[in-house]
Structures are given as structure tokens and as C-alpha cells.
Amino acid sequence: MIRFSFLFAALYLGTSLAHAAGFQFIEIPGNGSLQPIKGAVWYPCNQPLSNEKLGLFELSVAKDCPVTGEKLSLVVISPGRGGTFLDHSDTAEALADAGFVVAAINHPGDNAMDKTRTNDFSVFVERPVDIKRVIDFMLGSWTAAARIDASDIGIFGFSRGGYTGLVAVGANPHFGKSLRLCDGVDTPLCDQVHKGELPELIHDLRIKAAVIADPVSVFFTRDSFSNVKIAVQLWRSELGGGGVTPESVASISGEIPMKPDVHFVPRSQHFSFMAPCSAEFMQSAREICIDGPNFDRISFHKEFNAEILAFFRKNLTDTSSPLGSR
């Protein structure tokens, strides 16, 4: 059954003429041991769209156009293991078309161009730090920072980015004294793991709503979510993949204090939550791009993006009118 929120959001996406997705690259400077963070921002503007090809990705955006609107809500996107800021480009475009600012990033050392730390325990500690750095940048140094409403910030996280999003909004993973990623590894962080003396992970109370898709949840226990006090929309695939099982995602849905808005997607696999692939990308990444029989990723993403838009509108913006507070 198609829910009212999907119908409303789809109608809005189909009839809005006020915004198009602007697009620009960003780079957040490094600081001490923290590496620079590369990414991109999608945002509302009123210039014509053009087709932009970035590697294996094809975007329909207005590159470097001026930002339109005031008091805009911000959504930060955290991709999965080895992922990039383009992995959820269709979701970013849909939100920007509807008047949101969306910042998506490559996590340093854990992205397609730089996998030097993908298998290191340090990324699980530093990923939430990356989110704080992105929000600081968007509210501070970004060229249109004054147009963002600092009280309306959300996050979207997929897979390892789902873990990142949950920690950012207050979840506390429990790594214990034994961790496979630290087996035979002699680093300061792994020494702390073995001693059970981990540094406190970064949470960001500025985030008011979270959309989490098939999160890596192996480090979470029943009491991990007691400090999660915001609205969460949780998406579950039926088949799992990428090290994420359907059971592991289902297990956390009942542990979040504020009952999450849970969406179970029949016949989907883990990577179905990533943007539909271009023909060129499909040839080089079939595991990511090919879904199971009787599953249409393009059709699903129309509903997926509309439901995400409706959720963020409900929890971040004034919903008294179709255009919210804009």
C-alpha cells in the first residue's frame, strides 16, 4: 500500500518549479593528524540543469550556480565502506531540488580513491569526527553558510555510513577488549582496545533527524542507543550483503528509544540503497549495481527518495505549507 507521505512527496517533487539541484565541490582542510575531507554540495538554485559526467557517474545539476533561498535545512551524507560522495547522488539531487542543502563526503582513507585505512579500526573512531567537521565547515567556511538554518540539520548514512550516522546522533558502540580489526595490530588505538580504554566517540547534538539504511551494527548492543533522542528513519533490505545481514539491522530497530520509522524493502539487497548505476558503472561494479530478480532499483529510488524527503520535511522544517519555511 502506498503511504500518504509518499504521495505527498512525489507530488511535491513532480510539481516544484522553484528549485533545481546546484552542485559544487568542497574540500575541508586538514587539522593536525586529521586529513582533508573531499566532497560535494547539492543545493537549491534557479538555473537550468545540465548533464555532468564525473568518472562513472552521471549527474543532472547546475554546476557552481548561486544558492537560492534562506534558512535552508542541511543534510550530511555518509557513504559506506570504501564509498564516495557520489554514491547517493540521486538522493542528494532530490533533496536539493526540494530546497535542502546536502553535503556528501569521502571519508579520508576509506573511499574508492584512497583505501589506505579501510580495514583499520581507526576509521570507526574518526568517521563520526568527519561528520562534525563537515557540519562545522558548512556552518562556518562554506561560501553560502549564512543561508543554512543551523537548527535544521539531518544526516543520511548507508552501511558503514549508517554506523557513522547512529554514532553521530548519540549511539555508543561497544568494541570490547577483543576486536578482529586489531588482531596482531600494534597501534595506539588498538592498544586501547586491548586495554578496554577507548577514547570517547564524537556525537553531534546539532543533528535533529537521521535516515539510516542497512547500517553496520556489529558493534551495537541493547544499551547502545539510550542517548539517541531524535527521529530516525530506518531502512532494511530483505537480502542484505556487504557484511550486513537482515537480522542485524532488524535487531536494532527495537532498541532505539524513539520508535524509528522502519521501512522493509522486499527483494532488495544491501547495495539497492545506492544510486542506480550508469551503464558504464554497471560494467565495472556488477556486485554493487545488479539487483535480484523482480527488483527495479530506478522505480524503488523514486519511492525511497520521496519517503526520505517527507521524513526530513516533517522533522527538520515547518510543514505548515508545501514549501515549509522557505
C-alpha atoms as a PDB file:
ATOM      1  CA  MET A   1       0.000   0.000   0.000  1.00  0.00           C
ATOM      2  CA  ILE A   2       1.392   3.415  -0.960  1.00  0.00           C
ATOM      3  CA  ARG A   3       1.508   5.702   2.047  1.00  0.00           C
ATOM      4  CA  PHE A   4       0.192   9.263   2.072  1.00  0.00           C
ATOM      5  CA  SER A   5       3.667  10.641   2.799  1.00  0.00           C
ATOM      6  CA  PHE A   6       4.985   9.077  -0.395  1.00  0.00           C
ATOM      7  CA  LEU A   7       2.128  10.523  -2.428  1.00  0.00           C
ATOM      8  CA  PHE A   8       2.640  13.970  -0.941  1.00  0.00           C
ATOM      9  CA  ALA A   9       6.390  13.957  -1.500  1.00  0.00           C
ATOM     10  CA  ALA A  10       6.065  12.582  -5.017  1.00  0.00           C
ATOM     11  CA  LEU A  11       3.539  15.263  -5.857  1.00  0.00           C
ATOM     12  CA  TYR A  12       5.837  17.928  -4.495  1.00  0.00           C
ATOM     13  CA  LEU A  13       8.848  16.591  -6.396  1.00  0.00           C
ATOM     14  CA  GLY A  14       6.833  16.460  -9.586  1.00  0.00           C
ATOM     15  CA  THR A  15       5.345  19.948  -9.400  1.00  0.00           C
ATOM     16  CA  SER A  16       8.081  22.075  -7.837  1.00  0.00           C
ATOM     17  CA  LEU A  17       9.439  24.674 -10.261  1.00  0.00           C
ATOM     18  CA  ALA A  18      11.217  26.822  -7.688  1.00  0.00           C
ATOM     19  CA  HIS A  19      14.428  24.841  -7.285  1.00  0.00           C
ATOM     20  CA  ALA A  20      16.935  22.777  -9.207  1.00  0.00           C
ATOM     21  CA  ALA A  21      19.985  20.984  -7.887  1.00  0.00           C
ATOM     22  CA  GLY A  22      23.042  23.198  -7.846  1.00  0.00           C
ATOM     23  CA  PHE A  23      26.361  21.430  -7.370  1.00  0.00           C
ATOM     24  CA  GLN A  24      29.863  22.345  -6.258  1.00  0.00           C
ATOM     25  CA  PHE A  25      32.917  20.535  -4.928  1.00  0.00           C
ATOM     26  CA  ILE A  26      34.181  21.182  -1.418  1.00  0.00           C
ATOM     27  CA  GLU A  27      37.388  20.406   0.448  1.00  0.00           C
ATOM     28  CA  ILE A  28      37.615  20.727   4.215  1.00  0.00           C
ATOM     29  CA  PRO A  29      41.180  21.491   5.324  1.00  0.00           C
ATOM     30  CA  GLY A  30      43.100  19.024   7.426  1.00  0.00           C
ATOM     31  CA  ASN A  31      43.941  19.769  11.030  1.00  0.00           C
ATOM     32  CA  GLY A  32      46.893  18.136  12.762  1.00  0.00           C
ATOM     33  CA  SER A  33      46.540  14.378  12.285  1.00  0.00           C
ATOM     34  CA  LEU A  34      43.139  14.788  10.613  1.00  0.00           C
ATOM     35  CA  GLN A  35      43.331  14.575   6.838  1.00  0.00           C
ATOM     36  CA  PRO A  36      41.492  16.908   4.430  1.00  0.00           C
ATOM     37  CA  ILE A  37      37.957  15.826   3.573  1.00  0.00           C
ATOM     38  CA  LYS A  38      36.800  15.997  -0.049  1.00  0.00           C
ATOM     39  CA  GLY A  39      33.175  16.044  -1.068  1.00  0.00           C
ATOM     40  CA  ALA A  40      30.424  17.929  -2.819  1.00  0.00           C
ATOM     41  CA  VAL A  41      27.377  20.024  -2.010  1.00  0.00           C
ATOM     42  CA  TRP A  42      23.999  19.893  -3.735  1.00  0.00           C
ATOM     43  CA  TYR A  43      21.751  22.895  -3.092  1.00  0.00           C
ATOM     44  CA  PRO A  44      18.727  24.784  -4.479  1.00  0.00           C
ATOM     45  CA  CYS A  45      19.297  27.213  -7.325  1.00  0.00           C
ATOM     46  CA  ASN A  46      17.194  28.547 -10.191  1.00  0.00           C
ATOM     47  CA  GLN A  47      19.454  27.985 -13.199  1.00  0.00           C
ATOM     48  CA  PRO A  48      18.907  25.367 -15.942  1.00  0.00           C
ATOM     49  CA  LEU A  49      20.295  21.895 -15.370  1.00  0.00           C
ATOM     50  CA  SER A  50      22.962  20.260 -17.499  1.00  0.00           C
ATOM     51  CA  ASN A  51      24.371  16.743 -17.654  1.00  0.00           C
ATOM     52  CA  GLU A  52      27.665  16.409 -15.824  1.00  0.00           C
ATOM     53  CA  LYS A  53      29.792  13.271 -16.101  1.00  0.00           C
ATOM     54  CA  LEU A  54      32.078  12.617 -13.135  1.00  0.00           C
ATOM     55  CA  GLY A  55      34.015   9.431 -13.721  1.00  0.00           C
ATOM     56  CA  LEU A  56      31.441   6.635 -13.874  1.00  0.00           C
ATOM     57  CA  PHE A  57      28.661   8.838 -12.511  1.00  0.00           C
ATOM     58  CA  GLU A  58      26.192  10.945 -14.471  1.00  0.00           C
ATOM     59  CA  LEU A  59      24.556  13.927 -12.749  1.00  0.00           C
ATOM     60  CA  SER A  60      21.812  16.345 -13.754  1.00  0.00           C
ATOM     61  CA  VAL A  61      22.815  19.520 -11.940  1.00  0.00           C
ATOM     62  CA  ALA A  62      23.597  23.210 -12.348  1.00  0.00           C
ATOM     63  CA  LYS A  63      27.301  23.317 -11.537  1.00  0.00           C
ATOM     64  CA  ASP A  64      28.511  26.230  -9.394  1.00  0.00           C
ATOM     65  CA  CYS A  65      25.262  28.182  -9.728  1.00  0.00           C
ATOM     66  CA  PRO A  66      24.302  30.701  -6.982  1.00  0.00           C
ATOM     67  CA  VAL A  67      22.413  29.340  -3.977  1.00  0.00           C
ATOM     68  CA  THR A  68      18.698  30.190  -3.851  1.00  0.00           C
ATOM     69  CA  GLY A  69      16.735  30.604  -0.626  1.00  0.00           C
ATOM     70  CA  GLU A  70      17.266  31.420   3.035  1.00  0.00           C
ATOM     71  CA  LYS A  71      17.117  29.364   6.274  1.00  0.00           C
ATOM     72  CA  LEU A  72      17.839  26.167   4.348  1.00  0.00           C
ATOM     73  CA  SER A  73      17.992  22.805   6.091  1.00  0.00           C
ATOM     74  CA  LEU A  74      21.254  20.875   5.865  1.00  0.00           C
ATOM     75  CA  VAL A  75      21.599  17.110   5.360  1.00  0.00           C
ATOM     76  CA  VAL A  76      25.009  15.395   5.568  1.00  0.00           C
ATOM     77  CA  ILE A  77      25.564  12.095   3.713  1.00  0.00           C
ATOM     78  CA  SER A  78      27.973   9.417   4.963  1.00  0.00           C
ATOM     79  CA  PRO A  79      28.626   6.632   2.396  1.00  0.00           C
ATOM     80  CA  GLY A  80      29.514   3.020   3.070  1.00  0.00           C
ATOM     81  CA  ARG A  81      32.841   1.231   3.259  1.00  0.00           C
ATOM     82  CA  GLY A  82      35.128   2.473   0.503  1.00  0.00           C
ATOM     83  CA  GLY A  83      32.310   4.671  -0.799  1.00  0.00           C
ATOM     84  CA  THR A  84      32.326   8.142  -2.298  1.00  0.00           C
ATOM     85  CA  PHE A  85      30.327  11.346  -2.091  1.00  0.00           C
ATOM     86  CA  LEU A  86      28.618  10.346  -5.353  1.00  0.00           C
ATOM     87  CA  ASP A  87      27.182   7.033  -4.112  1.00  0.00           C
ATOM     88  CA  HIS A  88      23.825   8.615  -3.208  1.00  0.00           C
ATOM     89  CA  SER A  89      23.775  11.384  -5.788  1.00  0.00           C
ATOM     90  CA  ASP A  90      20.146  10.824  -6.777  1.00  0.00           C
ATOM     91  CA  THR A  91      19.029  11.254  -3.163  1.00  0.00           C
ATOM     92  CA  ALA A  92      21.147  14.395  -2.862  1.00  0.00           C
ATOM     93  CA  GLU A  93      19.636  15.791  -6.077  1.00  0.00           C
ATOM     94  CA  ALA A  94      16.088  15.051  -4.923  1.00  0.00           C
ATOM     95  CA  LEU A  95      16.634  16.839  -1.612  1.00  0.00           C
ATOM     96  CA  ALA A  96      18.327  19.819  -3.278  1.00  0.00           C
ATOM     97  CA  ASP A  97      15.504  20.069  -5.827  1.00  0.00           C
ATOM     98  CA  ALA A  98      13.156  20.356  -2.839  1.00  0.00           C
ATOM     99  CA  GLY A  99      15.138  23.128  -1.157  1.00  0.00           C
ATOM    100  CA  PHE A 100      17.684  21.337   1.052  1.00  0.00           C
ATOM    101  CA  VAL A 101      21.448  21.791   1.170  1.00  0.00           C
ATOM    102  CA  VAL A 102      23.156  18.377   1.019  1.00  0.00           C
ATOM    103  CA  ALA A 103      26.838  17.797   1.800  1.00  0.00           C
ATOM    104  CA  ALA A 104      28.268  14.370   0.919  1.00  0.00           C
ATOM    105  CA  ILE A 105      31.851  13.353   1.621  1.00  0.00           C
ATOM    106  CA  ASN A 106      34.636  10.873   1.064  1.00  0.00           C
ATOM    107  CA  HIS A 107      35.798   9.635   4.465  1.00  0.00           C
ATOM    108  CA  PRO A 108      39.610  10.007   4.469  1.00  0.00           C
ATOM    109  CA  GLY A 109      41.370   6.681   3.983  1.00  0.00           C
ATOM    110  CA  ASP A 110      38.055   4.849   3.486  1.00  0.00           C
ATOM    111  CA  ASN A 111      36.896   5.733  -0.017  1.00  0.00           C
ATOM    112  CA  ALA A 112      37.228   4.455  -3.568  1.00  0.00           C
ATOM    113  CA  MET A 113      40.241   6.681  -4.313  1.00  0.00           C
ATOM    114  CA  ASP A 114      42.025   6.092  -1.009  1.00  0.00           C
ATOM    115  CA  LYS A 115      41.551   2.776   0.806  1.00  0.00           C
ATOM    116  CA  THR A 116      44.651   3.040   2.970  1.00  0.00           C
ATOM    117  CA  ARG A 117      42.621   2.780   6.191  1.00  0.00           C
ATOM    118  CA  THR A 118      39.511   0.941   5.034  1.00  0.00           C
ATOM    119  CA  ASN A 119      40.413  -2.100   7.138  1.00  0.00           C
ATOM    120  CA  ASP A 120      41.798  -0.110  10.080  1.00  0.00           C
ATOM    121  CA  PHE A 121      39.894   0.220  13.320  1.00  0.00           C
ATOM    122  CA  SER A 122      40.689   3.954  13.321  1.00  0.00           C
ATOM    123  CA  VAL A 123      38.006   4.689  10.709  1.00  0.00           C
ATOM    124  CA  PHE A 124      35.264   3.648  13.145  1.00  0.00           C
ATOM    125  CA  VAL A 125      36.530   6.255  15.594  1.00  0.00           C
ATOM    126  CA  GLU A 126      37.200   9.014  13.058  1.00  0.00           C
ATOM    127  CA  ARG A 127      34.114   8.717  10.847  1.00  0.00           C
ATOM    128  CA  PRO A 128      31.861  10.492  13.404  1.00  0.00           C
ATOM    129  CA  VAL A 129      34.595  13.146  13.750  1.00  0.00           C
ATOM    130  CA  ASP A 130      34.366  13.651   9.977  1.00  0.00           C
ATOM    131  CA  ILE A 131      30.645  14.397  10.307  1.00  0.00           C
ATOM    132  CA  LYS A 132      31.280  17.073  12.938  1.00  0.00           C
ATOM    133  CA  ARG A 133      33.975  18.609  10.744  1.00  0.00           C
ATOM    134  CA  VAL A 134      31.612  18.728   7.768  1.00  0.00           C
ATOM    135  CA  ILE A 135      28.863  20.421   9.779  1.00  0.00           C
ATOM    136  CA  ASP A 136      31.369  22.907  11.214  1.00  0.00           C
ATOM    137  CA  PHE A 137      32.540  23.708   7.684  1.00  0.00           C
ATOM    138  CA  MET A 138      29.061  24.071   6.224  1.00  0.00           C
ATOM    139  CA  LEU A 139      28.009  26.429   9.022  1.00  0.00           C
ATOM    140  CA  GLY A 140      31.285  28.329   9.002  1.00  0.00           C
ATOM    141  CA  SER A 141      33.588  28.442   5.986  1.00  0.00           C
ATOM    142  CA  TRP A 142      31.244  27.380   3.189  1.00  0.00           C
ATOM    143  CA  THR A 143      30.577  30.251   0.807  1.00  0.00           C
ATOM    144  CA  ALA A 144      26.803  30.209   1.455  1.00  0.00           C
ATOM    145  CA  ALA A 145      26.930  29.263   5.143  1.00  0.00           C
ATOM    146  CA  ALA A 146      24.705  32.220   6.085  1.00  0.00           C
ATOM    147  CA  ARG A 147      21.835  30.643   4.113  1.00  0.00           C
ATOM    148  CA  ILE A 148      21.761  27.489   6.281  1.00  0.00           C
ATOM    149  CA  ASP A 149      19.480  27.204   9.297  1.00  0.00           C
ATOM    150  CA  ALA A 150      21.799  25.814  11.982  1.00  0.00           C
ATOM    151  CA  SER A 151      18.805  24.445  13.901  1.00  0.00           C
ATOM    152  CA  ASP A 152      17.713  22.200  10.992  1.00  0.00           C
ATOM    153  CA  ILE A 153      20.418  19.584  10.413  1.00  0.00           C
ATOM    154  CA  GLY A 154      19.916  15.958   9.398  1.00  0.00           C
ATOM    155  CA  ILE A 155      22.091  13.017   8.390  1.00  0.00           C
ATOM    156  CA  PHE A 156      21.764  10.171   5.894  1.00  0.00           C
ATOM    157  CA  GLY A 157      24.012   7.156   6.386  1.00  0.00           C
ATOM    158  CA  PHE A 158      24.328   3.887   4.475  1.00  0.00           C
ATOM    159  CA  SER A 159      26.089   0.692   5.642  1.00  0.00           C
ATOM    160  CA  ARG A 160      29.262   1.811   7.440  1.00  0.00           C
ATOM    161  CA  GLY A 161      27.827   5.292   6.959  1.00  0.00           C
ATOM    162  CA  GLY A 162      24.758   4.044   8.830  1.00  0.00           C
ATOM    163  CA  TYR A 163      27.033   3.155  11.752  1.00  0.00           C
ATOM    164  CA  THR A 164      28.543   6.620  11.414  1.00  0.00           C
ATOM    165  CA  GLY A 165      25.153   8.310  11.474  1.00  0.00           C
ATOM    166  CA  LEU A 166      23.977   6.367  14.521  1.00  0.00           C
ATOM    167  CA  VAL A 167      27.120   7.247  16.476  1.00  0.00           C
ATOM    168  CA  ALA A 168      26.868  10.887  15.379  1.00  0.00           C
ATOM    169  CA  VAL A 169      23.363  11.141  16.839  1.00  0.00           C
ATOM    170  CA  GLY A 170      24.269   9.560  20.166  1.00  0.00           C
ATOM    171  CA  ALA A 171      24.729   5.782  19.839  1.00  0.00           C
ATOM    172  CA  ASN A 172      27.620   4.260  21.775  1.00  0.00           C
ATOM    173  CA  PRO A 173      29.186   1.155  20.209  1.00  0.00           C
ATOM    174  CA  HIS A 174      30.853  -1.415  22.427  1.00  0.00           C
ATOM    175  CA  PHE A 175      34.120  -2.620  20.953  1.00  0.00           C
ATOM    176  CA  GLY A 176      35.258  -4.743  23.902  1.00  0.00           C
ATOM    177  CA  LYS A 177      38.798  -5.916  24.530  1.00  0.00           C
ATOM    178  CA  SER A 178      38.844  -8.253  21.535  1.00  0.00           C
ATOM    179  CA  LEU A 179      38.416  -6.808  18.041  1.00  0.00           C
ATOM    180  CA  ARG A 180      39.258  -8.633  14.806  1.00  0.00           C
ATOM    181  CA  LEU A 181      40.482  -5.414  13.183  1.00  0.00           C
ATOM    182  CA  CYS A 182      43.089  -5.156  15.940  1.00  0.00           C
ATOM    183  CA  ASP A 183      44.350  -8.749  15.761  1.00  0.00           C
ATOM    184  CA  GLY A 184      48.134  -8.550  15.500  1.00  0.00           C
ATOM    185  CA  VAL A 185      47.992  -4.774  15.027  1.00  0.00           C
ATOM    186  CA  ASP A 186      50.196  -2.529  17.134  1.00  0.00           C
ATOM    187  CA  THR A 187      48.750   0.972  17.064  1.00  0.00           C
ATOM    188  CA  PRO A 188      47.797   3.350  19.884  1.00  0.00           C
ATOM    189  CA  LEU A 189      44.083   2.808  19.177  1.00  0.00           C
ATOM    190  CA  CYS A 190      44.372  -0.973  19.127  1.00  0.00           C
ATOM    191  CA  ASP A 191      46.422  -0.847  22.320  1.00  0.00           C
ATOM    192  CA  GLN A 192      43.465   0.988  23.858  1.00  0.00           C
ATOM    193  CA  VAL A 193      41.094  -1.679  22.518  1.00  0.00           C
ATOM    194  CA  HIS A 194      43.112  -4.427  24.177  1.00  0.00           C
ATOM    195  CA  LYS A 195      43.070  -2.488  27.449  1.00  0.00           C
ATOM    196  CA  GLY A 196      39.387  -1.616  27.121  1.00  0.00           C
ATOM    197  CA  GLU A 197      40.245   2.096  27.292  1.00  0.00           C
ATOM    198  CA  LEU A 198      38.817   3.618  24.132  1.00  0.00           C
ATOM    199  CA  PRO A 199      38.562   7.364  23.565  1.00  0.00           C
ATOM    200  CA  GLU A 200      35.070   8.821  23.813  1.00  0.00           C
ATOM    201  CA  LEU A 201      33.417   8.911  20.395  1.00  0.00           C
ATOM    202  CA  ILE A 202      32.126  12.158  18.952  1.00  0.00           C
ATOM    203  CA  HIS A 203      28.376  12.837  18.992  1.00  0.00           C
ATOM    204  CA  ASP A 204      26.840  15.942  17.466  1.00  0.00           C
ATOM    205  CA  LEU A 205      23.749  17.294  19.187  1.00  0.00           C
ATOM    206  CA  ARG A 206      23.135  19.680  16.293  1.00  0.00           C
ATOM    207  CA  ILE A 207      21.713  16.772  14.254  1.00  0.00           C
ATOM    208  CA  LYS A 208      17.934  16.654  14.647  1.00  0.00           C
ATOM    209  CA  ALA A 209      16.910  13.759  12.348  1.00  0.00           C
ATOM    210  CA  ALA A 210      18.606  10.718  10.808  1.00  0.00           C
ATOM    211  CA  VAL A 211      17.882   8.415   7.868  1.00  0.00           C
ATOM    212  CA  ILE A 212      19.833   5.172   8.269  1.00  0.00           C
ATOM    213  CA  ALA A 213      19.946   2.471   5.559  1.00  0.00           C
ATOM    214  CA  ASP A 214      21.240  -1.076   6.252  1.00  0.00           C
ATOM    215  CA  PRO A 215      23.738   0.030   8.924  1.00  0.00           C
ATOM    216  CA  VAL A 216      26.761  -1.952  10.034  1.00  0.00           C
ATOM    217  CA  SER A 217      25.568  -2.791  13.533  1.00  0.00           C
ATOM    218  CA  VAL A 218      28.005  -5.419  14.802  1.00  0.00           C
ATOM    219  CA  PHE A 219      29.360  -3.048  17.475  1.00  0.00           C
ATOM    220  CA  PHE A 220      25.974  -2.103  18.908  1.00  0.00           C
ATOM    221  CA  THR A 221      24.370  -3.753  21.904  1.00  0.00           C
ATOM    222  CA  ARG A 222      20.987  -3.402  23.588  1.00  0.00           C
ATOM    223  CA  ASP A 223      22.098  -0.392  25.640  1.00  0.00           C
ATOM    224  CA  SER A 224      23.952   1.385  22.823  1.00  0.00           C
ATOM    225  CA  PHE A 225      21.023   3.614  21.898  1.00  0.00           C
ATOM    226  CA  SER A 226      19.902   5.064  25.232  1.00  0.00           C
ATOM    227  CA  ASN A 227      21.218   8.502  24.241  1.00  0.00           C
ATOM    228  CA  VAL A 228      19.585   8.576  20.800  1.00  0.00           C
ATOM    229  CA  LYS A 229      16.769  11.072  21.350  1.00  0.00           C
ATOM    230  CA  ILE A 230      15.952  12.180  17.802  1.00  0.00           C
ATOM    231  CA  ALA A 231      13.704  10.917  14.998  1.00  0.00           C
ATOM    232  CA  VAL A 232      15.215   8.030  12.998  1.00  0.00           C
ATOM    233  CA  GLN A 233      14.029   6.526   9.725  1.00  0.00           C
ATOM    234  CA  LEU A 234      15.500   3.019   9.354  1.00  0.00           C
ATOM    235  CA  TRP A 235      15.636   1.170   6.014  1.00  0.00           C
ATOM    236  CA  ARG A 236      16.115  -2.618   5.855  1.00  0.00           C
ATOM    237  CA  SER A 237      16.959  -4.742   2.839  1.00  0.00           C
ATOM    238  CA  GLU A 238      15.496  -8.230   2.592  1.00  0.00           C
ATOM    239  CA  LEU A 239      18.642  -9.970   1.363  1.00  0.00           C
ATOM    240  CA  GLY A 240      21.462  -7.995   2.989  1.00  0.00           C
ATOM    241  CA  GLY A 241      25.029  -8.108   1.689  1.00  0.00           C
ATOM    242  CA  GLY A 242      28.341  -6.309   2.113  1.00  0.00           C
ATOM    243  CA  GLY A 243      28.746  -7.872   5.552  1.00  0.00           C
ATOM    244  CA  VAL A 244      25.328  -6.607   6.726  1.00  0.00           C
ATOM    245  CA  THR A 245      22.644  -9.183   7.498  1.00  0.00           C
ATOM    246  CA  PRO A 246      18.898  -8.525   7.597  1.00  0.00           C
ATOM    247  CA  GLU A 247      18.825  -9.903  11.143  1.00  0.00           C
ATOM    248  CA  SER A 248      21.476  -7.478  12.386  1.00  0.00           C
ATOM    249  CA  VAL A 249      19.504  -4.478  11.116  1.00  0.00           C
ATOM    250  CA  ALA A 250      16.224  -5.815  12.471  1.00  0.00           C
ATOM    251  CA  SER A 251      17.802  -6.319  15.883  1.00  0.00           C
ATOM    252  CA  ILE A 252      18.468  -2.629  16.440  1.00  0.00           C
ATOM    253  CA  SER A 253      15.046  -1.387  15.332  1.00  0.00           C
ATOM    254  CA  GLY A 254      13.514  -2.202  18.710  1.00  0.00           C
ATOM    255  CA  GLU A 255      16.382  -0.732  20.737  1.00  0.00           C
ATOM    256  CA  ILE A 256      16.118   2.920  19.669  1.00  0.00           C
ATOM    257  CA  PRO A 257      14.142   4.781  22.381  1.00  0.00           C
ATOM    258  CA  MET A 258      12.078   6.863  19.972  1.00  0.00           C
ATOM    259  CA  LYS A 259      10.450   4.172  17.833  1.00  0.00           C
ATOM    260  CA  PRO A 260      12.051   4.514  14.391  1.00  0.00           C
ATOM    261  CA  ASP A 261      10.132   4.827  11.149  1.00  0.00           C
ATOM    262  CA  VAL A 262      11.084   1.387   9.779  1.00  0.00           C
ATOM    263  CA  HIS A 263      10.903   0.562   6.067  1.00  0.00           C
ATOM    264  CA  PHE A 264      11.424  -3.040   4.961  1.00  0.00           C
ATOM    265  CA  VAL A 265      12.150  -3.334   1.220  1.00  0.00           C
ATOM    266  CA  PRO A 266      11.105  -6.696  -0.288  1.00  0.00           C
ATOM    267  CA  ARG A 267      13.536  -8.370  -2.743  1.00  0.00           C
ATOM    268  CA  SER A 268      16.172  -5.689  -2.152  1.00  0.00           C
ATOM    269  CA  GLN A 269      19.819  -6.372  -1.463  1.00  0.00           C
ATOM    270  CA  HIS A 270      22.264  -4.224   0.532  1.00  0.00           C
ATOM    271  CA  PHE A 271      23.507  -2.142  -2.381  1.00  0.00           C
ATOM    272  CA  SER A 272      19.978  -1.407  -3.629  1.00  0.00           C
ATOM    273  CA  PHE A 273      20.114   1.735  -1.472  1.00  0.00           C
ATOM    274  CA  MET A 274      22.912   3.177  -3.604  1.00  0.00           C
ATOM    275  CA  ALA A 275      22.018   5.319  -6.611  1.00  0.00           C
ATOM    276  CA  PRO A 276      21.028   3.487  -9.819  1.00  0.00           C
ATOM    277  CA  CYS A 277      24.180   2.827 -11.817  1.00  0.00           C
ATOM    278  CA  SER A 278      25.106   4.224 -15.194  1.00  0.00           C
ATOM    279  CA  ALA A 279      25.726   1.632 -17.902  1.00  0.00           C
ATOM    280  CA  GLU A 280      29.475   2.257 -17.621  1.00  0.00           C
ATOM    281  CA  PHE A 281      29.482   1.869 -13.843  1.00  0.00           C
ATOM    282  CA  MET A 282      27.451  -1.332 -14.127  1.00  0.00           C
ATOM    283  CA  GLN A 283      30.157  -2.913 -16.252  1.00  0.00           C
ATOM    284  CA  SER A 284      32.837  -2.264 -13.651  1.00  0.00           C
ATOM    285  CA  ALA A 285      30.899  -2.850 -10.426  1.00  0.00           C
ATOM    286  CA  ARG A 286      28.310  -5.541 -11.039  1.00  0.00           C
ATOM    287  CA  GLU A 287      28.140  -6.628  -7.386  1.00  0.00           C
ATOM    288  CA  ILE A 288      27.045  -3.125  -6.434  1.00  0.00           C
ATOM    289  CA  CYS A 289      24.834  -2.447  -9.438  1.00  0.00           C
ATOM    290  CA  ILE A 290      22.975  -5.689 -10.164  1.00  0.00           C
ATOM    291  CA  ASP A 291      19.871  -6.341  -8.084  1.00  0.00           C
ATOM    292  CA  GLY A 292      17.945  -9.572  -7.751  1.00  0.00           C
ATOM    293  CA  PRO A 293      15.074 -10.668  -9.992  1.00  0.00           C
ATOM    294  CA  ASN A 294      11.855  -8.680  -9.847  1.00  0.00           C
ATOM    295  CA  PHE A 295      13.534  -5.657  -8.273  1.00  0.00           C
ATOM    296  CA  ASP A 296      13.688  -2.354 -10.152  1.00  0.00           C
ATOM    297  CA  ARG A 297      16.170  -0.028  -8.474  1.00  0.00           C
ATOM    298  CA  ILE A 298      15.121   3.002 -10.518  1.00  0.00           C
ATOM    299  CA  SER A 299      11.472   2.631  -9.538  1.00  0.00           C
ATOM    300  CA  PHE A 300      12.385   1.894  -5.929  1.00  0.00           C
ATOM    301  CA  HIS A 301      14.530   5.012  -5.648  1.00  0.00           C
ATOM    302  CA  LYS A 302      11.621   7.212  -6.647  1.00  0.00           C
ATOM    303  CA  GLU A 303       9.772   5.994  -3.547  1.00  0.00           C
ATOM    304  CA  PHE A 304      12.946   5.856  -1.445  1.00  0.00           C
ATOM    305  CA  ASN A 305      13.838   9.485  -2.167  1.00  0.00           C
ATOM    306  CA  ALA A 306      10.262  10.669  -1.731  1.00  0.00           C
ATOM    307  CA  GLU A 307       9.993   8.980   1.677  1.00  0.00           C
ATOM    308  CA  ILE A 308      13.319  10.479   2.782  1.00  0.00           C
ATOM    309  CA  LEU A 309      12.162  13.916   1.652  1.00  0.00           C
ATOM    310  CA  ALA A 310       8.877  13.550   3.532  1.00  0.00           C
ATOM    311  CA  PHE A 311      10.740  12.436   6.683  1.00  0.00           C
ATOM    312  CA  PHE A 312      13.181  15.341   6.634  1.00  0.00           C
ATOM    313  CA  ARG A 313      10.395  17.803   5.896  1.00  0.00           C
ATOM    314  CA  LYS A 314       8.444  16.501   8.881  1.00  0.00           C
ATOM    315  CA  ASN A 315      11.377  16.562  11.282  1.00  0.00           C
ATOM    316  CA  LEU A 316      13.516  19.474  10.085  1.00  0.00           C
ATOM    317  CA  THR A 317      11.264  22.077   8.509  1.00  0.00           C
ATOM    318  CA  ASP A 318       7.972  23.860   9.085  1.00  0.00           C
ATOM    319  CA  THR A 319       5.410  21.650   7.358  1.00  0.00           C
ATOM    320  CA  SER A 320       2.551  24.117   7.520  1.00  0.00           C
ATOM    321  CA  SER A 321       2.919  24.714   3.788  1.00  0.00           C
ATOM    322  CA  PRO A 322       4.335  22.674   0.872  1.00  0.00           C
ATOM    323  CA  LEU A 323       7.391  24.922   0.745  1.00  0.00           C
ATOM    324  CA  GLY A 324       7.969  24.746   4.506  1.00  0.00           C
ATOM    325  CA  SER A 325       9.859  27.715   5.877  1.00  0.00           C
ATOM    326  CA  ARG A 326      11.453  28.598   2.558  1.00  0.00           C
END
